[in-house]
Amino acid sequence: MMASIDRSDPVILSHVLAEHRDLFNLMASVRSAFAAEGPPSADQQTQVLACLRRLRAHLAEHFLQEERGGFLEEAVTRVPRLSSAVREIVGQHPLLLAELDGVIERLDAALSADSAWDAAADGFRRFAEHMAAHERSENGVVQEGYNEDLGLVE
């Protein structure tokens, strides 16, 4: 019976990889929109806000799934010493959402001001760094809990 707990569940791991791929794609679309040259047009700002809101909705759902159980909880079941790392990861969720909300609010509050665009772009860069650190921690827990190299590179 012990052999079954040592084997990774390909459904769970493929779900983790798909979630991270979706997150990466959403983050990349926002990053590329902010990286466009020249002053932002109203249309660009509207598109970035839409991307940011999609990212926010995706993250909220992703975090909710993690908090209800799933692969992080399973990793702790397999390797109980990971429980403090999982608590720390889950504790970051409200902070990350609040940080992203701040970016959205700054951009939404002053659609016509270039300084608001720059502030939102800087805020998103900081958020992206924090999200990347969060995802690295999460990947570490999953890899250790499932004894599986996800093959994710930074």
Protein backbone atom coordinates (compact mmCIF):
# COMPACT_ATOMS: atom_id res chain seq x y z
CA MET A 1 0.00 0.00 0.00
CA MET A 2 2.80 2.45 0.74
CA ALA A 3 3.93 2.40 -2.88
CA SER A 4 0.75 4.16 -3.96
CA ILE A 5 1.37 7.18 -1.73
CA ASP A 6 4.90 7.52 -3.08
CA ARG A 7 3.73 7.75 -6.67
CA SER A 8 2.73 11.10 -8.03
CA ASP A 9 -0.75 11.60 -9.38
CA PRO A 10 -0.44 12.63 -13.03
CA VAL A 11 -3.86 14.31 -12.95
CA ILE A 12 -2.86 16.56 -10.06
CA LEU A 13 0.52 17.37 -11.53
CA SER A 14 -0.90 18.11 -14.98
CA HIS A 15 -3.45 20.41 -13.32
CA VAL A 16 -0.64 22.23 -11.49
CA LEU A 17 1.29 22.67 -14.72
CA ALA A 18 -1.82 23.88 -16.59
CA GLU A 19 -2.62 26.40 -13.85
CA HIS A 20 0.91 27.73 -13.92
CA ARG A 21 0.88 27.93 -17.72
CA ASP A 22 -2.38 29.92 -17.63
CA LEU A 23 -0.96 32.21 -14.98
CA PHE A 24 2.25 32.70 -16.96
CA ASN A 25 0.26 33.58 -20.10
CA LEU A 26 -1.89 36.12 -18.26
CA MET A 27 1.15 37.70 -16.62
CA ALA A 28 2.98 37.83 -19.97
CA SER A 29 0.07 39.57 -21.68
CA VAL A 30 0.02 42.29 -19.02
CA ARG A 31 3.80 42.61 -19.13
CA SER A 32 3.83 43.02 -22.91
CA ALA A 33 1.01 45.57 -22.79
CA PHE A 34 2.96 47.68 -20.29
CA ALA A 35 6.13 47.31 -22.39
CA ALA A 36 4.60 48.90 -25.51
CA GLU A 37 6.62 51.90 -26.67
CA GLY A 38 5.37 55.45 -26.57
CA PRO A 39 2.71 57.03 -24.44
CA PRO A 40 -0.21 54.71 -23.76
CA SER A 41 -3.42 55.28 -25.64
CA ALA A 42 -6.77 55.13 -23.88
CA ASP A 43 -7.40 51.87 -25.76
CA GLN A 44 -4.11 50.39 -24.46
CA GLN A 45 -4.99 51.34 -20.92
CA THR A 46 -8.44 49.82 -21.28
CA GLN A 47 -6.88 46.61 -22.64
CA VAL A 48 -4.35 46.45 -19.81
CA LEU A 49 -7.11 46.95 -17.25
CA ALA A 50 -9.08 44.11 -18.84
CA CYS A 51 -5.98 41.86 -18.70
CA LEU A 52 -5.33 42.83 -15.10
CA ARG A 53 -8.92 42.05 -14.14
CA ARG A 54 -8.75 38.65 -15.89
CA LEU A 55 -5.52 37.95 -14.03
CA ARG A 56 -7.11 39.00 -10.75
CA ALA A 57 -10.12 36.74 -11.30
CA HIS A 58 -7.88 33.83 -12.28
CA LEU A 59 -5.70 34.31 -9.20
CA ALA A 60 -8.66 34.59 -6.85
CA GLU A 61 -10.05 31.29 -8.18
CA HIS A 62 -6.62 29.64 -8.14
CA PHE A 63 -6.00 30.73 -4.56
CA LEU A 64 -9.46 29.62 -3.45
CA GLN A 65 -8.85 26.16 -4.89
CA GLU A 66 -5.55 25.93 -3.05
CA GLU A 67 -7.13 27.04 0.22
CA ARG A 68 -9.89 24.44 -0.08
CA GLY A 69 -7.35 21.64 -0.36
CA GLY A 70 -5.94 20.00 -3.41
CA PHE A 71 -2.33 19.52 -4.34
CA LEU A 72 -0.86 21.59 -1.49
CA GLU A 73 -2.89 19.70 1.10
CA GLU A 74 -1.92 16.43 -0.57
CA ALA A 75 1.76 17.43 -0.46
CA VAL A 76 1.44 17.98 3.32
CA THR A 77 -0.28 14.60 3.69
CA ARG A 78 2.65 13.00 1.92
CA VAL A 79 5.33 15.06 3.71
CA PRO A 80 3.94 16.57 6.95
CA ARG A 81 6.98 18.79 7.56
CA LEU A 82 5.78 20.91 4.59
CA SER A 83 2.81 22.19 6.61
CA SER A 84 4.52 25.42 7.71
CA ALA A 85 5.62 26.15 4.12
CA VAL A 86 2.04 25.61 2.91
CA ARG A 87 0.66 27.88 5.66
CA GLU A 88 3.13 30.56 4.56
CA ILE A 89 2.17 30.15 0.89
CA VAL A 90 -1.56 30.35 1.64
CA GLY A 91 -0.94 33.35 3.92
CA GLN A 92 0.53 35.24 0.95
CA HIS A 93 -2.70 34.99 -1.07
CA PRO A 94 -4.55 38.00 0.42
CA LEU A 95 -1.41 40.13 0.19
CA LEU A 96 -0.85 39.27 -3.47
CA LEU A 97 -4.48 39.98 -4.35
CA ALA A 98 -4.35 43.30 -2.47
CA GLU A 99 -1.16 44.24 -4.29
CA LEU A 100 -2.75 43.48 -7.66
CA ASP A 101 -5.88 45.38 -6.62
CA GLY A 102 -3.66 48.40 -5.96
CA VAL A 103 -2.22 48.22 -9.48
CA ILE A 104 -5.72 48.02 -10.95
CA GLU A 105 -6.98 50.91 -8.82
CA ARG A 106 -4.05 53.16 -9.74
CA LEU A 107 -4.54 52.56 -13.44
CA ASP A 108 -8.32 52.78 -13.27
CA ALA A 109 -8.30 56.01 -11.25
CA ALA A 110 -6.38 58.04 -13.81
CA LEU A 111 -6.74 56.54 -17.27
CA SER A 112 -5.48 59.69 -18.95
CA ALA A 113 -2.40 60.39 -16.82
CA ASP A 114 0.93 59.04 -18.04
CA SER A 115 2.22 59.09 -14.45
CA ALA A 116 -0.58 56.72 -13.43
CA TRP A 117 0.46 54.40 -16.26
CA ASP A 118 4.09 54.47 -15.09
CA ALA A 119 3.08 53.92 -11.46
CA ALA A 120 0.84 51.02 -12.46
CA ALA A 121 3.62 49.53 -14.60
CA ASP A 122 6.07 49.78 -11.69
CA GLY A 123 3.47 48.31 -9.34
CA PHE A 124 2.87 45.43 -11.71
CA ARG A 125 6.61 44.74 -11.98
CA ARG A 126 6.81 44.49 -8.18
CA PHE A 127 3.70 42.31 -8.09
CA ALA A 128 5.16 40.05 -10.80
CA GLU A 129 8.35 39.62 -8.74
CA HIS A 130 6.30 38.72 -5.65
CA MET A 131 4.15 36.30 -7.67
CA ALA A 132 7.25 34.65 -9.12
CA ALA A 133 8.65 34.14 -5.61
CA HIS A 134 5.27 32.78 -4.48
CA GLU A 135 5.13 30.35 -7.40
CA ARG A 136 8.70 29.19 -6.73
CA SER A 137 7.72 28.42 -3.12
CA GLU A 138 4.60 26.62 -4.27
CA ASN A 139 6.54 24.63 -6.87
CA GLY A 140 9.09 23.67 -4.23
CA VAL A 141 6.36 22.31 -1.96
CA VAL A 142 4.74 20.38 -4.79
CA GLN A 143 8.04 18.98 -6.02
CA GLU A 144 9.09 17.94 -2.53
CA GLY A 145 5.64 16.66 -1.56
CA TYR A 146 5.26 14.58 -4.68
CA ASN A 147 8.96 13.81 -5.13
CA GLU A 148 8.47 15.04 -8.68
CA ASP A 149 10.52 17.51 -10.71
CA LEU A 150 7.97 19.68 -12.48
CA GLY A 151 10.59 20.83 -14.95
CA LEU A 152 9.69 24.47 -14.40
CA VAL A 153 12.40 26.99 -15.07
CA GLU A 154 12.47 30.56 -13.86
